[in-house]
């Protein structure tokens, strides 16, 4: 296989992995607290999932993510 210089990396970056890891933890915690009927912590985990997107964006701006295609 050849490597294309325009290949964005398909998520193989620190920003992508960090975002995904935080989101998986948030959904796991949210699912557990949903079954335990603890609404405030379900909403807190939803907030953590939203925060993971912000973390990924900030990491991308810091240079740890792939460059956007123009």
PDB file of N, CA and C in Angstrom:
ATOM      1  N   UNK A   1       0.829  -1.173   0.000  1.00  0.00           N
ATOM      2  CA  UNK A   1       0.000   0.000   0.000  1.00  0.00           C
ATOM      3  C   UNK A   1       0.876   1.240   0.000  1.00  0.00           C
ATOM      4  N   UNK A   2       0.465   2.212  -0.731  1.00  0.00           N
ATOM      5  CA  UNK A   2       1.213   3.461  -0.772  1.00  0.00           C
ATOM      6  C   UNK A   2       0.600   4.464   0.203  1.00  0.00           C
ATOM      7  N   UNK A   3       1.420   5.386   0.632  1.00  0.00           N
ATOM      8  CA  UNK A   3       0.963   6.419   1.565  1.00  0.00           C
ATOM      9  C   UNK A   3       0.650   7.686   0.777  1.00  0.00           C
ATOM     10  N   UNK A   4      -0.557   8.174   0.930  1.00  0.00           N
ATOM     11  CA  UNK A   4      -0.979   9.395   0.257  1.00  0.00           C
ATOM     12  C   UNK A   4      -0.656  10.585   1.160  1.00  0.00           C
ATOM     13  N   UNK A   5       0.019  11.575   0.640  1.00  0.00           N
ATOM     14  CA  UNK A   5       0.400  12.751   1.425  1.00  0.00           C
ATOM     15  C   UNK A   5      -0.817  13.550   1.878  1.00  0.00           C
ATOM     16  N   UNK A   6      -1.948  13.410   1.187  1.00  0.00           N
ATOM     17  CA  UNK A   6      -3.169  14.133   1.549  1.00  0.00           C
ATOM     18  C   UNK A   6      -4.055  13.356   2.507  1.00  0.00           C
ATOM     19  N   UNK A   7      -3.596  12.180   2.940  1.00  0.00           N
ATOM     20  CA  UNK A   7      -4.377  11.347   3.845  1.00  0.00           C
ATOM     21  C   UNK A   7      -4.481  12.027   5.207  1.00  0.00           C
ATOM     22  N   UNK A   8      -5.710  12.254   5.714  1.00  0.00           N
ATOM     23  CA  UNK A   8      -5.853  12.969   6.985  1.00  0.00           C
ATOM     24  C   UNK A   8      -5.466  12.138   8.200  1.00  0.00           C
ATOM     25  N   UNK A   9      -5.210  10.840   8.049  1.00  0.00           N
ATOM     26  CA  UNK A   9      -4.783  10.032   9.169  1.00  0.00           C
ATOM     27  C   UNK A   9      -5.869   9.136   9.736  1.00  0.00           C
ATOM     28  N   UNK A  10      -7.095   9.301   9.352  1.00  0.00           N
ATOM     29  CA  UNK A  10      -8.214   8.465   9.781  1.00  0.00           C
ATOM     30  C   UNK A  10      -8.330   8.367  11.297  1.00  0.00           C
ATOM     31  N   UNK A  11      -8.039   9.432  11.991  1.00  0.00           N
ATOM     32  CA  UNK A  11      -8.225   9.454  13.430  1.00  0.00           C
ATOM     33  C   UNK A  11      -7.078   8.888  14.233  1.00  0.00           C
ATOM     34  N   UNK A  12      -5.948   8.664  13.617  1.00  0.00           N
ATOM     35  CA  UNK A  12      -4.797   8.130  14.337  1.00  0.00           C
ATOM     36  C   UNK A  12      -3.973   9.273  14.918  1.00  0.00           C
ATOM     37  N   UNK A  13      -4.613  10.073  15.762  1.00  0.00           N
ATOM     38  CA  UNK A  13      -3.943  11.210  16.378  1.00  0.00           C
ATOM     39  C   UNK A  13      -4.241  11.215  17.866  1.00  0.00           C
ATOM     40  N   UNK A  14      -3.446  11.947  18.609  1.00  0.00           N
ATOM     41  CA  UNK A  14      -3.672  12.066  20.041  1.00  0.00           C
ATOM     42  C   UNK A  14      -5.028  12.709  20.313  1.00  0.00           C
ATOM     43  N   UNK A  15      -5.393  13.702  19.524  1.00  0.00           N
ATOM     44  CA  UNK A  15      -6.675  14.378  19.721  1.00  0.00           C
ATOM     45  C   UNK A  15      -7.842  13.406  19.520  1.00  0.00           C
ATOM     46  N   UNK A  16      -7.777  12.597  18.491  1.00  0.00           N
ATOM     47  CA  UNK A  16      -8.864  11.654  18.213  1.00  0.00           C
ATOM     48  C   UNK A  16      -8.958  10.577  19.288  1.00  0.00           C
ATOM     49  N   UNK A  17      -7.825  10.027  19.683  1.00  0.00           N
ATOM     50  CA  UNK A  17      -7.832   8.976  20.705  1.00  0.00           C
ATOM     51  C   UNK A  17      -8.299   9.512  22.053  1.00  0.00           C
ATOM     52  N   UNK A  18      -7.881  10.705  22.413  1.00  0.00           N
ATOM     53  CA  UNK A  18      -8.288  11.292  23.684  1.00  0.00           C
ATOM     54  C   UNK A  18      -9.788  11.562  23.692  1.00  0.00           C
ATOM     55  N   UNK A  19     -10.286  12.134  22.610  1.00  0.00           N
ATOM     56  CA  UNK A  19     -11.717  12.404  22.499  1.00  0.00           C
ATOM     57  C   UNK A  19     -12.524  11.110  22.600  1.00  0.00           C
ATOM     58  N   UNK A  20     -12.093  10.090  21.896  1.00  0.00           N
ATOM     59  CA  UNK A  20     -12.799   8.818  21.902  1.00  0.00           C
ATOM     60  C   UNK A  20     -12.763   8.165  23.277  1.00  0.00           C
ATOM     61  N   UNK A  21     -11.617   8.202  23.936  1.00  0.00           N
ATOM     62  CA  UNK A  21     -11.500   7.586  25.262  1.00  0.00           C
ATOM     63  C   UNK A  21     -12.402   8.271  26.280  1.00  0.00           C
ATOM     64  N   UNK A  22     -12.406   9.603  26.273  1.00  0.00           N
ATOM     65  CA  UNK A  22     -13.262  10.336  27.209  1.00  0.00           C
ATOM     66  C   UNK A  22     -14.730  10.050  26.913  1.00  0.00           C
ATOM     67  N   UNK A  23     -15.085   9.981  25.636  1.00  0.00           N
ATOM     68  CA  UNK A  23     -16.474   9.740  25.266  1.00  0.00           C
ATOM     69  C   UNK A  23     -16.923   8.329  25.665  1.00  0.00           C
ATOM     70  N   UNK A  24     -16.055   7.341  25.504  1.00  0.00           N
ATOM     71  CA  UNK A  24     -16.398   5.978  25.907  1.00  0.00           C
ATOM     72  C   UNK A  24     -16.630   5.910  27.413  1.00  0.00           C
ATOM     73  N   UNK A  25     -15.756   6.566  28.177  1.00  0.00           N
ATOM     74  CA  UNK A  25     -15.924   6.599  29.635  1.00  0.00           C
ATOM     75  C   UNK A  25     -17.231   7.298  29.996  1.00  0.00           C
ATOM     76  N   UNK A  26     -17.533   8.403  29.335  1.00  0.00           N
ATOM     77  CA  UNK A  26     -18.760   9.150  29.630  1.00  0.00           C
ATOM     78  C   UNK A  26     -20.007   8.306  29.351  1.00  0.00           C
ATOM     79  N   UNK A  27     -20.034   7.619  28.228  1.00  0.00           N
ATOM     80  CA  UNK A  27     -21.202   6.801  27.905  1.00  0.00           C
ATOM     81  C   UNK A  27     -21.309   5.591  28.820  1.00  0.00           C
ATOM     82  N   UNK A  28     -20.182   5.023  29.212  1.00  0.00           N
ATOM     83  CA  UNK A  28     -20.213   3.892  30.140  1.00  0.00           C
ATOM     84  C   UNK A  28     -20.754   4.314  31.500  1.00  0.00           C
ATOM     85  N   UNK A  29     -20.227   5.426  32.014  1.00  0.00           N
ATOM     86  CA  UNK A  29     -20.702   5.932  33.302  1.00  0.00           C
ATOM     87  C   UNK A  29     -22.175   6.325  33.208  1.00  0.00           C
ATOM     88  N   UNK A  30     -22.549   6.972  32.118  1.00  0.00           N
ATOM     89  CA  UNK A  30     -23.944   7.365  31.940  1.00  0.00           C
ATOM     90  C   UNK A  30     -24.886   6.175  31.895  1.00  0.00           C
ATOM     91  N   UNK A  31     -24.462   5.109  31.245  1.00  0.00           N
ATOM     92  CA  UNK A  31     -25.287   3.903  31.171  1.00  0.00           C
ATOM     93  C   UNK A  31     -25.444   3.267  32.543  1.00  0.00           C
ATOM     94  N   UNK A  32     -24.353   3.194  33.293  1.00  0.00           N
ATOM     95  CA  UNK A  32     -24.419   2.616  34.640  1.00  0.00           C
ATOM     96  C   UNK A  32     -25.367   3.421  35.528  1.00  0.00           C
ATOM     97  N   UNK A  33     -25.219   4.741  35.511  1.00  0.00           N
ATOM     98  CA  UNK A  33     -26.078   5.564  36.363  1.00  0.00           C
ATOM     99  C   UNK A  33     -27.517   5.616  35.871  1.00  0.00           C
ATOM    100  N   UNK A  34     -27.724   5.386  34.585  1.00  0.00           N
ATOM    101  CA  UNK A  34     -29.093   5.303  34.077  1.00  0.00           C
ATOM    102  C   UNK A  34     -29.799   4.090  34.686  1.00  0.00           C
ATOM    103  N   UNK A  35     -29.098   2.958  34.721  1.00  0.00           N
ATOM    104  CA  UNK A  35     -29.698   1.759  35.299  1.00  0.00           C
ATOM    105  C   UNK A  35     -29.822   1.855  36.821  1.00  0.00           C
ATOM    106  N   UNK A  36     -28.984   2.680  37.450  1.00  0.00           N
ATOM    107  CA  UNK A  36     -29.098   2.895  38.892  1.00  0.00           C
ATOM    108  C   UNK A  36     -30.097   4.007  39.225  1.00  0.00           C
ATOM    109  N   UNK A  37     -30.720   4.575  38.202  1.00  0.00           N
ATOM    110  CA  UNK A  37     -31.750   5.609  38.343  1.00  0.00           C
ATOM    111  C   UNK A  37     -31.217   6.840  39.081  1.00  0.00           C
ATOM    112  N   UNK A  38     -30.055   7.301  38.635  1.00  0.00           N
ATOM    113  CA  UNK A  38     -29.427   8.484  39.230  1.00  0.00           C
ATOM    114  C   UNK A  38     -29.318   9.556  38.140  1.00  0.00           C
ATOM    115  N   UNK A  39     -30.392  10.322  37.966  1.00  0.00           N
ATOM    116  CA  UNK A  39     -30.496  11.292  36.872  1.00  0.00           C
ATOM    117  C   UNK A  39     -29.409  12.370  36.884  1.00  0.00           C
ATOM    118  N   UNK A  40     -29.044  12.938  38.036  1.00  0.00           N
ATOM    119  CA  UNK A  40     -28.010  13.976  37.994  1.00  0.00           C
ATOM    120  C   UNK A  40     -26.669  13.483  37.434  1.00  0.00           C
ATOM    121  N   UNK A  41     -26.309  12.259  37.780  1.00  0.00           N
ATOM    122  CA  UNK A  41     -25.040  11.742  37.259  1.00  0.00           C
ATOM    123  C   UNK A  41     -25.147  11.307  35.792  1.00  0.00           C
ATOM    124  N   UNK A  42     -26.334  10.964  35.350  1.00  0.00           N
ATOM    125  CA  UNK A  42     -26.534  10.698  33.924  1.00  0.00           C
ATOM    126  C   UNK A  42     -26.305  11.983  33.135  1.00  0.00           C
ATOM    127  N   UNK A  43     -26.865  13.094  33.633  1.00  0.00           N
ATOM    128  CA  UNK A  43     -26.675  14.380  32.958  1.00  0.00           C
ATOM    129  C   UNK A  43     -25.227  14.845  33.050  1.00  0.00           C
ATOM    130  N   UNK A  44     -24.571  14.553  34.157  1.00  0.00           N
ATOM    131  CA  UNK A  44     -23.157  14.908  34.291  1.00  0.00           C
ATOM    132  C   UNK A  44     -22.315  14.139  33.279  1.00  0.00           C
ATOM    133  N   UNK A  45     -22.646  12.882  33.058  1.00  0.00           N
ATOM    134  CA  UNK A  45     -21.902  12.109  32.062  1.00  0.00           C
ATOM    135  C   UNK A  45     -22.192  12.605  30.641  1.00  0.00           C
ATOM    136  N   UNK A  46     -23.402  13.097  30.410  1.00  0.00           N
ATOM    137  CA  UNK A  46     -23.708  13.698  29.110  1.00  0.00           C
ATOM    138  C   UNK A  46     -22.884  14.965  28.912  1.00  0.00           C
ATOM    139  N   UNK A  47     -22.727  15.731  29.975  1.00  0.00           N
ATOM    140  CA  UNK A  47     -21.866  16.913  29.908  1.00  0.00           C
ATOM    141  C   UNK A  47     -20.415  16.536  29.639  1.00  0.00           C
ATOM    142  N   UNK A  48     -19.962  15.428  30.222  1.00  0.00           N
ATOM    143  CA  UNK A  48     -18.603  14.953  29.976  1.00  0.00           C
ATOM    144  C   UNK A  48     -18.431  14.543  28.513  1.00  0.00           C
ATOM    145  N   UNK A  49     -19.459  13.956  27.923  1.00  0.00           N
ATOM    146  CA  UNK A  49     -19.396  13.585  26.508  1.00  0.00           C
ATOM    147  C   UNK A  49     -19.266  14.827  25.630  1.00  0.00           C
ATOM    148  N   UNK A  50     -20.002  15.879  25.966  1.00  0.00           N
ATOM    149  CA  UNK A  50     -19.894  17.137  25.209  1.00  0.00           C
ATOM    150  C   UNK A  50     -18.518  17.763  25.428  1.00  0.00           C
ATOM    151  N   UNK A  51     -18.032  17.696  26.655  1.00  0.00           N
ATOM    152  CA  UNK A  51     -16.713  18.242  26.971  1.00  0.00           C
ATOM    153  C   UNK A  51     -15.606  17.523  26.200  1.00  0.00           C
ATOM    154  N   UNK A  52     -15.800  16.239  25.919  1.00  0.00           N
ATOM    155  CA  UNK A  52     -14.772  15.498  25.178  1.00  0.00           C
ATOM    156  C   UNK A  52     -14.583  16.058  23.766  1.00  0.00           C
ATOM    157  N   UNK A  53     -15.671  16.540  23.166  1.00  0.00           N
ATOM    158  CA  UNK A  53     -15.559  17.151  21.836  1.00  0.00           C
ATOM    159  C   UNK A  53     -14.754  18.446  21.921  1.00  0.00           C
ATOM    160  N   UNK A  54     -14.975  19.207  22.963  1.00  0.00           N
ATOM    161  CA  UNK A  54     -14.226  20.451  23.162  1.00  0.00           C
ATOM    162  C   UNK A  54     -12.742  20.134  23.376  1.00  0.00           C
ATOM    163  N   UNK A  55     -12.453  19.108  24.177  1.00  0.00           N
ATOM    164  CA  UNK A  55     -11.064  18.705  24.420  1.00  0.00           C
ATOM    165  C   UNK A  55     -10.393  18.303  23.108  1.00  0.00           C
ATOM    166  N   UNK A  56     -11.096  17.536  22.293  1.00  0.00           N
ATOM    167  CA  UNK A  56     -10.536  17.124  21.000  1.00  0.00           C
ATOM    168  C   UNK A  56     -10.255  18.299  20.092  1.00  0.00           C
ATOM    169  N   UNK A  57     -11.153  19.273  20.089  1.00  0.00           N
ATOM    170  CA  UNK A  57     -10.959  20.456  19.256  1.00  0.00           C
ATOM    171  C   UNK A  57      -9.761  21.275  19.734  1.00  0.00           C
ATOM    172  N   UNK A  58      -9.645  21.434  21.049  1.00  0.00           N
ATOM    173  CA  UNK A  58      -8.521  22.189  21.598  1.00  0.00           C
ATOM    174  C   UNK A  58      -7.204  21.469  21.296  1.00  0.00           C
ATOM    175  N   UNK A  59      -7.192  20.149  21.436  1.00  0.00           N
ATOM    176  CA  UNK A  59      -5.978  19.396  21.118  1.00  0.00           C
ATOM    177  C   UNK A  59      -5.618  19.522  19.635  1.00  0.00           C
ATOM    178  N   UNK A  60      -6.633  19.544  18.789  1.00  0.00           N
ATOM    179  CA  UNK A  60      -6.367  19.719  17.356  1.00  0.00           C
ATOM    180  C   UNK A  60      -5.758  21.087  17.082  1.00  0.00           C
ATOM    181  N   UNK A  61      -6.275  22.114  17.761  1.00  0.00           N
ATOM    182  CA  UNK A  61      -5.729  23.453  17.595  1.00  0.00           C
ATOM    183  C   UNK A  61      -4.298  23.533  18.110  1.00  0.00           C
ATOM    184  N   UNK A  62      -3.973  22.721  19.110  1.00  0.00           N
ATOM    185  CA  UNK A  62      -2.615  22.710  19.668  1.00  0.00           C
ATOM    186  C   UNK A  62      -1.646  21.924  18.788  1.00  0.00           C
ATOM    187  N   UNK A  63      -2.154  21.293  17.737  1.00  0.00           N
ATOM    188  CA  UNK A  63      -1.287  20.569  16.822  1.00  0.00           C
ATOM    189  C   UNK A  63      -1.244  19.078  17.013  1.00  0.00           C
ATOM    190  N   UNK A  64      -2.106  18.532  17.865  1.00  0.00           N
ATOM    191  CA  UNK A  64      -2.127  17.088  18.127  1.00  0.00           C
ATOM    192  C   UNK A  64      -3.144  16.339  17.280  1.00  0.00           C
ATOM    193  N   UNK A  65      -3.798  17.017  16.372  1.00  0.00           N
ATOM    194  CA  UNK A  65      -4.788  16.392  15.513  1.00  0.00           C
ATOM    195  C   UNK A  65      -4.367  16.483  14.055  1.00  0.00           C
ATOM    196  N   UNK A  66      -5.206  15.904  13.205  1.00  0.00           N
ATOM    197  CA  UNK A  66      -4.908  15.960  11.774  1.00  0.00           C
ATOM    198  C   UNK A  66      -5.269  17.352  11.232  1.00  0.00           C
ATOM    199  N   UNK A  67      -4.641  17.708  10.167  1.00  0.00           N
ATOM    200  CA  UNK A  67      -4.901  19.000   9.541  1.00  0.00           C
ATOM    201  C   UNK A  67      -6.171  18.900   8.688  1.00  0.00           C
ATOM    202  N   UNK A  68      -7.053  19.894   8.775  1.00  0.00           N
ATOM    203  CA  UNK A  68      -8.262  19.856   7.963  1.00  0.00           C
ATOM    204  C   UNK A  68      -7.936  20.009   6.465  1.00  0.00           C
ATOM    205  N   UNK A  69      -8.725  19.334   5.635  1.00  0.00           N
ATOM    206  CA  UNK A  69      -8.534  19.468   4.192  1.00  0.00           C
ATOM    207  C   UNK A  69      -9.075  20.806   3.732  1.00  0.00           C
ATOM    208  N   UNK A  70      -8.398  21.410   2.802  1.00  0.00           N
ATOM    209  CA  UNK A  70      -8.820  22.707   2.281  1.00  0.00           C
ATOM    210  C   UNK A  70      -9.401  22.542   0.905  1.00  0.00           C
TER     211      UNK A  70
END
